[in-house]
Amino acid sequence: MSKWTDIRDSITGVLKVDEVTEELKEKVSQAVLDEVLPPIESVVDDFVGKLKEQAPQESGWCRARDGIVLPLVMQGTVYIVKVVLTKALTSQTETQTSTMVNS
């Protein structure tokens, strides 16, 4: 078997759960923020840097693609995922804190 198949099977095995609790959602969100996004962000930044270097040599729509569209889509997607997960975790923590204080 290939390494990808082993990784896929282990991920599939871990994600098979009977019940998705709030605690599980928080752990997955935190893991994505801490372990998944940093390497993706690094790869995206490297790729975007190379695109922007090449953009001046392109012409027409290809110049817009390399200089604006692809960097915006790629970096924007990483940014949005990061913001949404961070705010969701913060919101959930505040909700839990206020619930404990009011109890």
PDB file of N, CA and C in Angstrom:
ATOM      1  N   MET A   1       0.830  -1.188   0.000  1.00  0.00           N
ATOM      2  CA  MET A   1       0.000   0.000   0.000  1.00  0.00           C
ATOM      3  C   MET A   1       0.874   1.250   0.000  1.00  0.00           C
ATOM      4  N   SER A   2       0.342   2.291  -0.577  1.00  0.00           N
ATOM      5  CA  SER A   2       1.074   3.550  -0.580  1.00  0.00           C
ATOM      6  C   SER A   2       0.888   4.272   0.743  1.00  0.00           C
ATOM      7  N   LYS A   3       1.755   5.235   0.983  1.00  0.00           N
ATOM      8  CA  LYS A   3       1.639   6.016   2.214  1.00  0.00           C
ATOM      9  C   LYS A   3       0.319   6.776   2.247  1.00  0.00           C
ATOM     10  N   TRP A   4      -0.100   7.275   1.081  1.00  0.00           N
ATOM     11  CA  TRP A   4      -1.355   8.020   1.022  1.00  0.00           C
ATOM     12  C   TRP A   4      -2.517   7.131   1.472  1.00  0.00           C
ATOM     13  N   THR A   5      -2.533   5.879   1.045  1.00  0.00           N
ATOM     14  CA  THR A   5      -3.604   4.964   1.432  1.00  0.00           C
ATOM     15  C   THR A   5      -3.585   4.733   2.936  1.00  0.00           C
ATOM     16  N   ASP A   6      -2.402   4.563   3.506  1.00  0.00           N
ATOM     17  CA  ASP A   6      -2.285   4.389   4.955  1.00  0.00           C
ATOM     18  C   ASP A   6      -2.806   5.615   5.699  1.00  0.00           C
ATOM     19  N   ILE A   7      -2.415   6.794   5.225  1.00  0.00           N
ATOM     20  CA  ILE A   7      -2.862   8.043   5.858  1.00  0.00           C
ATOM     21  C   ILE A   7      -4.369   8.175   5.740  1.00  0.00           C
ATOM     22  N   ARG A   8      -4.889   7.932   4.535  1.00  0.00           N
ATOM     23  CA  ARG A   8      -6.332   8.025   4.314  1.00  0.00           C
ATOM     24  C   ARG A   8      -7.095   7.080   5.230  1.00  0.00           C
ATOM     25  N   ASP A   9      -6.628   5.841   5.332  1.00  0.00           N
ATOM     26  CA  ASP A   9      -7.306   4.856   6.165  1.00  0.00           C
ATOM     27  C   ASP A   9      -7.258   5.226   7.642  1.00  0.00           C
ATOM     28  N   SER A  10      -6.137   5.767   8.098  1.00  0.00           N
ATOM     29  CA  SER A  10      -6.046   6.153   9.504  1.00  0.00           C
ATOM     30  C   SER A  10      -6.947   7.341   9.809  1.00  0.00           C
ATOM     31  N   ILE A  11      -7.018   8.289   8.877  1.00  0.00           N
ATOM     32  CA  ILE A  11      -7.904   9.441   9.065  1.00  0.00           C
ATOM     33  C   ILE A  11      -9.358   8.983   9.071  1.00  0.00           C
ATOM     34  N   THR A  12      -9.703   8.120   8.135  1.00  0.00           N
ATOM     35  CA  THR A  12     -11.071   7.603   8.060  1.00  0.00           C
ATOM     36  C   THR A  12     -11.433   6.871   9.341  1.00  0.00           C
ATOM     37  N   GLY A  13     -10.511   6.086   9.869  1.00  0.00           N
ATOM     38  CA  GLY A  13     -10.760   5.357  11.102  1.00  0.00           C
ATOM     39  C   GLY A  13     -10.967   6.275  12.291  1.00  0.00           C
ATOM     40  N   VAL A  14     -10.179   7.323  12.369  1.00  0.00           N
ATOM     41  CA  VAL A  14     -10.287   8.267  13.483  1.00  0.00           C
ATOM     42  C   VAL A  14     -11.586   9.061  13.398  1.00  0.00           C
ATOM     43  N   LEU A  15     -12.007   9.403  12.198  1.00  0.00           N
ATOM     44  CA  LEU A  15     -13.189  10.250  12.039  1.00  0.00           C
ATOM     45  C   LEU A  15     -14.511   9.495  12.160  1.00  0.00           C
ATOM     46  N   LYS A  16     -14.463   8.175  12.225  1.00  0.00           N
ATOM     47  CA  LYS A  16     -15.699   7.409  12.415  1.00  0.00           C
ATOM     48  C   LYS A  16     -16.067   7.477  13.890  1.00  0.00           C
ATOM     49  N   VAL A  17     -17.010   8.315  14.198  1.00  0.00           N
ATOM     50  CA  VAL A  17     -17.453   8.477  15.581  1.00  0.00           C
ATOM     51  C   VAL A  17     -18.965   8.285  15.627  1.00  0.00           C
ATOM     52  N   ASP A  18     -19.441   7.842  16.778  1.00  0.00           N
ATOM     53  CA  ASP A  18     -20.867   7.620  16.941  1.00  0.00           C
ATOM     54  C   ASP A  18     -21.612   8.925  17.181  1.00  0.00           C
ATOM     55  N   GLU A  19     -20.958   9.822  17.897  1.00  0.00           N
ATOM     56  CA  GLU A  19     -21.610  11.081  18.251  1.00  0.00           C
ATOM     57  C   GLU A  19     -20.620  12.226  18.109  1.00  0.00           C
ATOM     58  N   VAL A  20     -21.046  13.286  17.448  1.00  0.00           N
ATOM     59  CA  VAL A  20     -20.204  14.465  17.293  1.00  0.00           C
ATOM     60  C   VAL A  20     -20.614  15.461  18.373  1.00  0.00           C
ATOM     61  N   THR A  21     -19.769  15.583  19.368  1.00  0.00           N
ATOM     62  CA  THR A  21     -20.054  16.482  20.481  1.00  0.00           C
ATOM     63  C   THR A  21     -19.397  17.837  20.239  1.00  0.00           C
ATOM     64  N   GLU A  22     -19.779  18.791  21.045  1.00  0.00           N
ATOM     65  CA  GLU A  22     -19.187  20.126  20.945  1.00  0.00           C
ATOM     66  C   GLU A  22     -17.693  20.063  21.254  1.00  0.00           C
ATOM     67  N   GLU A  23     -17.338  19.225  22.212  1.00  0.00           N
ATOM     68  CA  GLU A  23     -15.930  19.072  22.582  1.00  0.00           C
ATOM     69  C   GLU A  23     -15.124  18.531  21.403  1.00  0.00           C
ATOM     70  N   LEU A  24     -15.669  17.571  20.687  1.00  0.00           N
ATOM     71  CA  LEU A  24     -14.993  17.013  19.520  1.00  0.00           C
ATOM     72  C   LEU A  24     -14.837  18.067  18.428  1.00  0.00           C
ATOM     73  N   LYS A  25     -15.884  18.844  18.190  1.00  0.00           N
ATOM     74  CA  LYS A  25     -15.806  19.904  17.180  1.00  0.00           C
ATOM     75  C   LYS A  25     -14.735  20.922  17.548  1.00  0.00           C
ATOM     76  N   GLU A  26     -14.637  21.256  18.824  1.00  0.00           N
ATOM     77  CA  GLU A  26     -13.615  22.204  19.269  1.00  0.00           C
ATOM     78  C   GLU A  26     -12.214  21.633  19.081  1.00  0.00           C
ATOM     79  N   LYS A  27     -12.037  20.346  19.411  1.00  0.00           N
ATOM     80  CA  LYS A  27     -10.723  19.717  19.257  1.00  0.00           C
ATOM     81  C   LYS A  27     -10.306  19.665  17.792  1.00  0.00           C
ATOM     82  N   VAL A  28     -11.252  19.331  16.912  1.00  0.00           N
ATOM     83  CA  VAL A  28     -10.946  19.274  15.485  1.00  0.00           C
ATOM     84  C   VAL A  28     -10.611  20.670  14.966  1.00  0.00           C
ATOM     85  N   SER A  29     -11.394  21.668  15.376  1.00  0.00           N
ATOM     86  CA  SER A  29     -11.139  23.045  14.950  1.00  0.00           C
ATOM     87  C   SER A  29      -9.762  23.507  15.409  1.00  0.00           C
ATOM     88  N   GLN A  30      -9.427  23.209  16.654  1.00  0.00           N
ATOM     89  CA  GLN A  30      -8.124  23.611  17.189  1.00  0.00           C
ATOM     90  C   GLN A  30      -7.000  22.878  16.473  1.00  0.00           C
ATOM     91  N   ALA A  31      -7.198  21.604  16.167  1.00  0.00           N
ATOM     92  CA  ALA A  31      -6.176  20.834  15.447  1.00  0.00           C
ATOM     93  C   ALA A  31      -5.963  21.394  14.047  1.00  0.00           C
ATOM     94  N   VAL A  32      -7.037  21.790  13.390  1.00  0.00           N
ATOM     95  CA  VAL A  32      -6.911  22.387  12.058  1.00  0.00           C
ATOM     96  C   VAL A  32      -6.107  23.681  12.152  1.00  0.00           C
ATOM     97  N   LEU A  33      -6.424  24.508  13.147  1.00  0.00           N
ATOM     98  CA  LEU A  33      -5.701  25.771  13.321  1.00  0.00           C
ATOM     99  C   LEU A  33      -4.230  25.555  13.665  1.00  0.00           C
ATOM    100  N   ASP A  34      -3.946  24.584  14.525  1.00  0.00           N
ATOM    101  CA  ASP A  34      -2.584  24.393  15.024  1.00  0.00           C
ATOM    102  C   ASP A  34      -1.713  23.530  14.116  1.00  0.00           C
ATOM    103  N   GLU A  35      -2.313  22.516  13.473  1.00  0.00           N
ATOM    104  CA  GLU A  35      -1.496  21.528  12.775  1.00  0.00           C
ATOM    105  C   GLU A  35      -1.698  21.499  11.260  1.00  0.00           C
ATOM    106  N   VAL A  36      -2.890  21.809  10.807  1.00  0.00           N
ATOM    107  CA  VAL A  36      -3.172  21.683   9.377  1.00  0.00           C
ATOM    108  C   VAL A  36      -2.890  22.986   8.632  1.00  0.00           C
ATOM    109  N   LEU A  37      -3.385  24.093   9.151  1.00  0.00           N
ATOM    110  CA  LEU A  37      -3.249  25.358   8.440  1.00  0.00           C
ATOM    111  C   LEU A  37      -1.814  25.891   8.307  1.00  0.00           C
ATOM    112  N   PRO A  38      -0.962  25.801   9.323  1.00  0.00           N
ATOM    113  CA  PRO A  38       0.388  26.363   9.158  1.00  0.00           C
ATOM    114  C   PRO A  38       1.165  25.810   7.956  1.00  0.00           C
ATOM    115  N   PRO A  39       1.221  24.491   7.751  1.00  0.00           N
ATOM    116  CA  PRO A  39       1.946  24.035   6.559  1.00  0.00           C
ATOM    117  C   PRO A  39       1.248  24.420   5.258  1.00  0.00           C
ATOM    118  N   ILE A  40      -0.076  24.425   5.257  1.00  0.00           N
ATOM    119  CA  ILE A  40      -0.814  24.842   4.059  1.00  0.00           C
ATOM    120  C   ILE A  40      -0.521  26.309   3.769  1.00  0.00           C
ATOM    121  N   GLU A  41      -0.536  27.124   4.802  1.00  0.00           N
ATOM    122  CA  GLU A  41      -0.263  28.553   4.649  1.00  0.00           C
ATOM    123  C   GLU A  41       1.146  28.782   4.104  1.00  0.00           C
ATOM    124  N   SER A  42       2.100  28.018   4.576  1.00  0.00           N
ATOM    125  CA  SER A  42       3.477  28.141   4.103  1.00  0.00           C
ATOM    126  C   SER A  42       3.579  27.791   2.616  1.00  0.00           C
ATOM    127  N   VAL A  43       2.939  26.706   2.212  1.00  0.00           N
ATOM    128  CA  VAL A  43       2.960  26.293   0.805  1.00  0.00           C
ATOM    129  C   VAL A  43       2.265  27.338  -0.065  1.00  0.00           C
ATOM    130  N   VAL A  44       1.130  27.835   0.401  1.00  0.00           N
ATOM    131  CA  VAL A  44       0.395  28.849  -0.355  1.00  0.00           C
ATOM    132  C   VAL A  44       1.238  30.111  -0.503  1.00  0.00           C
ATOM    133  N   ASP A  45       1.880  30.553   0.565  1.00  0.00           N
ATOM    134  CA  ASP A  45       2.711  31.759   0.499  1.00  0.00           C
ATOM    135  C   ASP A  45       3.873  31.588  -0.475  1.00  0.00           C
ATOM    136  N   ASP A  46       4.510  30.416  -0.464  1.00  0.00           N
ATOM    137  CA  ASP A  46       5.607  30.159  -1.412  1.00  0.00           C
ATOM    138  C   ASP A  46       5.095  30.184  -2.851  1.00  0.00           C
ATOM    139  N   PHE A  47       3.980  29.518  -3.082  1.00  0.00           N
ATOM    140  CA  PHE A  47       3.403  29.450  -4.419  1.00  0.00           C
ATOM    141  C   PHE A  47       3.004  30.836  -4.913  1.00  0.00           C
ATOM    142  N   VAL A  48       2.360  31.602  -4.049  1.00  0.00           N
ATOM    143  CA  VAL A  48       1.929  32.952  -4.409  1.00  0.00           C
ATOM    144  C   VAL A  48       3.138  33.839  -4.690  1.00  0.00           C
ATOM    145  N   GLY A  49       4.197  33.689  -3.916  1.00  0.00           N
ATOM    146  CA  GLY A  49       5.411  34.461  -4.166  1.00  0.00           C
ATOM    147  C   GLY A  49       5.974  34.191  -5.557  1.00  0.00           C
ATOM    148  N   LYS A  50       5.976  32.928  -5.945  1.00  0.00           N
ATOM    149  CA  LYS A  50       6.475  32.567  -7.274  1.00  0.00           C
ATOM    150  C   LYS A  50       5.543  33.076  -8.369  1.00  0.00           C
ATOM    151  N   LEU A  51       4.234  33.012  -8.114  1.00  0.00           N
ATOM    152  CA  LEU A  51       3.282  33.547  -9.089  1.00  0.00           C
ATOM    153  C   LEU A  51       3.505  35.031  -9.323  1.00  0.00           C
ATOM    154  N   LYS A  52       3.668  35.760  -8.224  1.00  0.00           N
ATOM    155  CA  LYS A  52       3.843  37.208  -8.337  1.00  0.00           C
ATOM    156  C   LYS A  52       5.159  37.576  -9.017  1.00  0.00           C
ATOM    157  N   GLU A  53       6.181  36.730  -8.847  1.00  0.00           N
ATOM    158  CA  GLU A  53       7.446  36.957  -9.559  1.00  0.00           C
ATOM    159  C   GLU A  53       7.256  36.779 -11.065  1.00  0.00           C
ATOM    160  N   GLN A  54       6.442  35.815 -11.438  1.00  0.00           N
ATOM    161  CA  GLN A  54       6.234  35.505 -12.851  1.00  0.00           C
ATOM    162  C   GLN A  54       5.209  36.418 -13.520  1.00  0.00           C
ATOM    163  N   ALA A  55       4.339  37.033 -12.755  1.00  0.00           N
ATOM    164  CA  ALA A  55       3.257  37.841 -13.318  1.00  0.00           C
ATOM    165  C   ALA A  55       3.723  38.928 -14.283  1.00  0.00           C
ATOM    166  N   PRO A  56       4.792  39.667 -13.985  1.00  0.00           N
ATOM    167  CA  PRO A  56       5.217  40.714 -14.927  1.00  0.00           C
ATOM    168  C   PRO A  56       5.616  40.190 -16.316  1.00  0.00           C
ATOM    169  N   GLN A  57       6.040  38.934 -16.394  1.00  0.00           N
ATOM    170  CA  GLN A  57       6.407  38.377 -17.697  1.00  0.00           C
ATOM    171  C   GLN A  57       5.185  37.902 -18.488  1.00  0.00           C
ATOM    172  N   GLU A  58       4.058  37.790 -17.830  1.00  0.00           N
ATOM    173  CA  GLU A  58       2.832  37.357 -18.494  1.00  0.00           C
ATOM    174  C   GLU A  58       2.157  38.564 -19.151  1.00  0.00           C
ATOM    175  N   SER A  59       1.140  38.269 -19.963  1.00  0.00           N
ATOM    176  CA  SER A  59       0.397  39.367 -20.579  1.00  0.00           C
ATOM    177  C   SER A  59      -1.092  39.061 -20.532  1.00  0.00           C
ATOM    178  N   GLY A  60      -1.882  40.106 -20.598  1.00  0.00           N
ATOM    179  CA  GLY A  60      -3.341  39.961 -20.653  1.00  0.00           C
ATOM    180  C   GLY A  60      -3.924  39.290 -19.432  1.00  0.00           C
ATOM    181  N   TRP A  61      -4.829  38.341 -19.700  1.00  0.00           N
ATOM    182  CA  TRP A  61      -5.540  37.666 -18.621  1.00  0.00           C
ATOM    183  C   TRP A  61      -4.623  36.822 -17.753  1.00  0.00           C
ATOM    184  N   CYS A  62      -3.559  36.303 -18.316  1.00  0.00           N
ATOM    185  CA  CYS A  62      -2.613  35.494 -17.545  1.00  0.00           C
ATOM    186  C   CYS A  62      -1.890  36.343 -16.492  1.00  0.00           C
ATOM    187  N   ARG A  63      -1.634  37.590 -16.828  1.00  0.00           N
ATOM    188  CA  ARG A  63      -1.003  38.502 -15.864  1.00  0.00           C
ATOM    189  C   ARG A  63      -1.954  38.751 -14.685  1.00  0.00           C
ATOM    190  N   ALA A  64      -3.228  38.974 -14.988  1.00  0.00           N
ATOM    191  CA  ALA A  64      -4.224  39.173 -13.926  1.00  0.00           C
ATOM    192  C   ALA A  64      -4.388  37.907 -13.093  1.00  0.00           C
ATOM    193  N   ARG A  65      -4.377  36.761 -13.758  1.00  0.00           N
ATOM    194  CA  ARG A  65      -4.500  35.480 -13.055  1.00  0.00           C
ATOM    195  C   ARG A  65      -3.359  35.305 -12.069  1.00  0.00           C
ATOM    196  N   ASP A  66      -2.126  35.507 -12.540  1.00  0.00           N
ATOM    197  CA  ASP A  66      -0.951  35.260 -11.701  1.00  0.00           C
ATOM    198  C   ASP A  66      -0.719  36.344 -10.655  1.00  0.00           C
ATOM    199  N   GLY A  67      -1.053  37.571 -10.981  1.00  0.00           N
ATOM    200  CA  GLY A  67      -0.770  38.670 -10.065  1.00  0.00           C
ATOM    201  C   GLY A  67      -1.880  38.981  -9.088  1.00  0.00           C
ATOM    202  N   ILE A  68      -3.131  38.627  -9.452  1.00  0.00           N
ATOM    203  CA  ILE A  68      -4.257  39.023  -8.616  1.00  0.00           C
ATOM    204  C   ILE A  68      -5.160  37.845  -8.229  1.00  0.00           C
ATOM    205  N   VAL A  69      -5.699  37.159  -9.232  1.00  0.00           N
ATOM    206  CA  VAL A  69      -6.767  36.188  -8.987  1.00  0.00           C
ATOM    207  C   VAL A  69      -6.300  34.999  -8.145  1.00  0.00           C
ATOM    208  N   LEU A  70      -5.297  34.274  -8.607  1.00  0.00           N
ATOM    209  CA  LEU A  70      -4.845  33.100  -7.854  1.00  0.00           C
ATOM    210  C   LEU A  70      -4.330  33.458  -6.462  1.00  0.00           C
ATOM    211  N   PRO A  71      -3.506  34.516  -6.308  1.00  0.00           N
ATOM    212  CA  PRO A  71      -3.087  34.875  -4.951  1.00  0.00           C
ATOM    213  C   PRO A  71      -4.268  35.226  -4.047  1.00  0.00           C
ATOM    214  N   LEU A  72      -5.221  35.966  -4.577  1.00  0.00           N
ATOM    215  CA  LEU A  72      -6.380  36.353  -3.777  1.00  0.00           C
ATOM    216  C   LEU A  72      -7.201  35.139  -3.357  1.00  0.00           C
ATOM    217  N   VAL A  73      -7.449  34.250  -4.278  1.00  0.00           N
ATOM    218  CA  VAL A  73      -8.246  33.050  -3.972  1.00  0.00           C
ATOM    219  C   VAL A  73      -7.532  32.173  -2.949  1.00  0.00           C
ATOM    220  N   MET A  74      -6.267  31.919  -3.180  1.00  0.00           N
ATOM    221  CA  MET A  74      -5.531  31.001  -2.307  1.00  0.00           C
ATOM    222  C   MET A  74      -5.310  31.584  -0.910  1.00  0.00           C
ATOM    223  N   GLN A  75      -4.775  32.795  -0.846  1.00  0.00           N
ATOM    224  CA  GLN A  75      -4.534  33.398   0.459  1.00  0.00           C
ATOM    225  C   GLN A  75      -5.842  33.777   1.146  1.00  0.00           C
ATOM    226  N   GLY A  76      -6.827  34.183   0.352  1.00  0.00           N
ATOM    227  CA  GLY A  76      -8.128  34.533   0.921  1.00  0.00           C
ATOM    228  C   GLY A  76      -8.811  33.338   1.549  1.00  0.00           C
ATOM    229  N   THR A  77      -8.712  32.189   0.909  1.00  0.00           N
ATOM    230  CA  THR A  77      -9.331  30.979   1.453  1.00  0.00           C
ATOM    231  C   THR A  77      -8.687  30.590   2.779  1.00  0.00           C
ATOM    232  N   VAL A  78      -7.369  30.611   2.834  1.00  0.00           N
ATOM    233  CA  VAL A  78      -6.674  30.285   4.086  1.00  0.00           C
ATOM    234  C   VAL A  78      -7.072  31.281   5.177  1.00  0.00           C
ATOM    235  N   TYR A  79      -7.113  32.556   4.828  1.00  0.00           N
ATOM    236  CA  TYR A  79      -7.466  33.599   5.798  1.00  0.00           C
ATOM    237  C   TYR A  79      -8.888  33.396   6.332  1.00  0.00           C
ATOM    238  N   ILE A  80      -9.829  33.143   5.443  1.00  0.00           N
ATOM    239  CA  ILE A  80     -11.232  32.974   5.858  1.00  0.00           C
ATOM    240  C   ILE A  80     -11.383  31.763   6.772  1.00  0.00           C
ATOM    241  N   VAL A  81     -10.763  30.652   6.419  1.00  0.00           N
ATOM    242  CA  VAL A  81     -10.843  29.459   7.265  1.00  0.00           C
ATOM    243  C   VAL A  81     -10.266  29.757   8.647  1.00  0.00           C
ATOM    244  N   LYS A  82      -9.129  30.432   8.668  1.00  0.00           N
ATOM    245  CA  LYS A  82      -8.475  30.762   9.938  1.00  0.00           C
ATOM    246  C   LYS A  82      -9.366  31.674  10.794  1.00  0.00           C
ATOM    247  N   VAL A  83      -9.934  32.696  10.190  1.00  0.00           N
ATOM    248  CA  VAL A  83     -10.785  33.642  10.933  1.00  0.00           C
ATOM    249  C   VAL A  83     -12.042  32.958  11.457  1.00  0.00           C
ATOM    250  N   VAL A  84     -12.695  32.184  10.614  1.00  0.00           N
ATOM    251  CA  VAL A  84     -13.942  31.529  11.032  1.00  0.00           C
ATOM    252  C   VAL A  84     -13.684  30.552  12.175  1.00  0.00           C
ATOM    253  N   LEU A  85     -12.663  29.728  12.062  1.00  0.00           N
ATOM    254  CA  LEU A  85     -12.382  28.767  13.131  1.00  0.00           C
ATOM    255  C   LEU A  85     -11.967  29.471  14.416  1.00  0.00           C
ATOM    256  N   THR A  86     -11.162  30.510  14.313  1.00  0.00           N
ATOM    257  CA  THR A  86     -10.737  31.258  15.505  1.00  0.00           C
ATOM    258  C   THR A  86     -11.930  31.898  16.192  1.00  0.00           C
ATOM    259  N   LYS A  87     -12.793  32.536  15.414  1.00  0.00           N
ATOM    260  CA  LYS A  87     -13.967  33.185  16.007  1.00  0.00           C
ATOM    261  C   LYS A  87     -14.928  32.157  16.592  1.00  0.00           C
ATOM    262  N   ALA A  88     -15.085  31.012  15.942  1.00  0.00           N
ATOM    263  CA  ALA A  88     -15.971  29.967  16.466  1.00  0.00           C
ATOM    264  C   ALA A  88     -15.442  29.441  17.793  1.00  0.00           C
ATOM    265  N   LEU A  89     -14.143  29.227  17.871  1.00  0.00           N
ATOM    266  CA  LEU A  89     -13.566  28.753  19.128  1.00  0.00           C
ATOM    267  C   LEU A  89     -13.683  29.801  20.221  1.00  0.00           C
ATOM    268  N   THR A  90     -13.422  31.046  19.875  1.00  0.00           N
ATOM    269  CA  THR A  90     -13.536  32.138  20.845  1.00  0.00           C
ATOM    270  C   THR A  90     -14.971  32.279  21.326  1.00  0.00           C
ATOM    271  N   SER A  91     -15.908  32.228  20.414  1.00  0.00           N
ATOM    272  CA  SER A  91     -17.322  32.354  20.751  1.00  0.00           C
ATOM    273  C   SER A  91     -17.765  31.220  21.668  1.00  0.00           C
ATOM    274  N   GLN A  92     -17.341  30.009  21.355  1.00  0.00           N
ATOM    275  CA  GLN A  92     -17.718  28.860  22.174  1.00  0.00           C
ATOM    276  C   GLN A  92     -17.121  28.965  23.565  1.00  0.00           C
ATOM    277  N   THR A  93     -15.882  29.429  23.666  1.00  0.00           N
ATOM    278  CA  THR A  93     -15.238  29.603  24.965  1.00  0.00           C
ATOM    279  C   THR A  93     -15.973  30.657  25.790  1.00  0.00           C
ATOM    280  N   GLU A  94     -16.353  31.767  25.155  1.00  0.00           N
ATOM    281  CA  GLU A  94     -17.097  32.817  25.860  1.00  0.00           C
ATOM    282  C   GLU A  94     -18.454  32.305  26.324  1.00  0.00           C
ATOM    283  N   THR A  95     -19.121  31.519  25.501  1.00  0.00           N
ATOM    284  CA  THR A  95     -20.424  30.959  25.865  1.00  0.00           C
ATOM    285  C   THR A  95     -20.280  30.028  27.058  1.00  0.00           C
ATOM    286  N   GLN A  96     -19.276  29.182  27.038  1.00  0.00           N
ATOM    287  CA  GLN A  96     -19.053  28.248  28.152  1.00  0.00           C
ATOM    288  C   GLN A  96     -18.704  29.005  29.424  1.00  0.00           C
ATOM    289  N   THR A  97     -17.899  30.059  29.307  1.00  0.00           N
ATOM    290  CA  THR A  97     -17.516  30.854  30.472  1.00  0.00           C
ATOM    291  C   THR A  97     -18.725  31.544  31.072  1.00  0.00           C
ATOM    292  N   SER A  98     -19.565  32.152  30.229  1.00  0.00           N
ATOM    293  CA  SER A  98     -20.746  32.851  30.750  1.00  0.00           C
ATOM    294  C   SER A  98     -21.738  31.865  31.355  1.00  0.00           C
ATOM    295  N   THR A  99     -21.831  30.670  30.811  1.00  0.00           N
ATOM    296  CA  THR A  99     -22.725  29.653  31.355  1.00  0.00           C
ATOM    297  C   THR A  99     -22.249  29.232  32.746  1.00  0.00           C
ATOM    298  N   MET A 100     -20.929  29.089  32.924  1.00  0.00           N
ATOM    299  CA  MET A 100     -20.376  28.708  34.219  1.00  0.00           C
ATOM    300  C   MET A 100     -20.587  29.809  35.248  1.00  0.00           C
ATOM    301  N   VAL A 101     -20.430  31.067  34.845  1.00  0.00           N
ATOM    302  CA  VAL A 101     -20.585  32.192  35.754  1.00  0.00           C
ATOM    303  C   VAL A 101     -22.042  32.326  36.192  1.00  0.00           C
ATOM    304  N   ASN A 102     -22.978  32.133  35.272  1.00  0.00           N
ATOM    305  CA  ASN A 102     -24.391  32.275  35.581  1.00  0.00           C
ATOM    306  C   ASN A 102     -24.963  31.089  36.350  1.00  0.00           C
ATOM    307  N   SER A 103     -24.237  29.982  36.411  1.00  0.00           N
ATOM    308  CA  SER A 103     -24.748  28.782  37.112  1.00  0.00           C
ATOM    309  C   SER A 103     -24.590  28.902  38.598  1.00  0.00           C
TER     310      SER A 103
END
